[in-house]
């Protein structure tokens, strides 16, 4: 989980405006996970086009493209010779489309109840993990955005993949994840892979997860 450096997205927006290129945000991982406006709204930077993935439909297979009217109009241009092709085998399939509508309606209910809940759990998880790491003297940091988080066994949050590859303890990370799975806590068994909290999770789930992580790290450090 590598967040953009301060000013990076704003700089891209300024360059796009200055030189006239189309700014596209890949929100497949971030769109609808942290807010219906995607990460662009969180960052306060509006792209020209954005692409979204399965979070739009709560896991159902779906993808979406959205953007400024002057760009989207090319897909329905009245002159066929100027129309841009937007093709897909399952375009507008009724099942994931219905799931997307239901998901968005739920996300908008009660003034963002879902996002408040998962943000609260995410914060609890981050604070709990950081306390465990400090107490045990483990060199690691916790990166988080809303309900998504990752523990990096290095002394700083990674700036890019090269930084991560050169400093993260991949072996220790994978060992911890596999041990946690054996204990009933599913951390995807690939080092440096993001973990996610859902609306179905509770504070009790977070407490139980933190307890198992503390016990497992203590065992690994002996």
Foldseek 3Di string as FASTA:
>chain_A
DADADVCPLVVVLVVCVVPVDFFEEEQQPFDLQQAVVTVCVVNVHAGQKYKYADSLLPRDGDIDMDGDPVVVCLCVPPDPVSRDDDDDPQPPPPPSVVSNVVSVVVCPPPNRPFQVQQQVLQVVLQVLVVVLCVVVVQQWHWDDDRFKIAIFRFNDDDNDVVSSVVGGPFVVQLVLQVVVVVVVDHDPNGGPDMDGDGSPDDNVNSVVSSVSSSVSVVVVVD
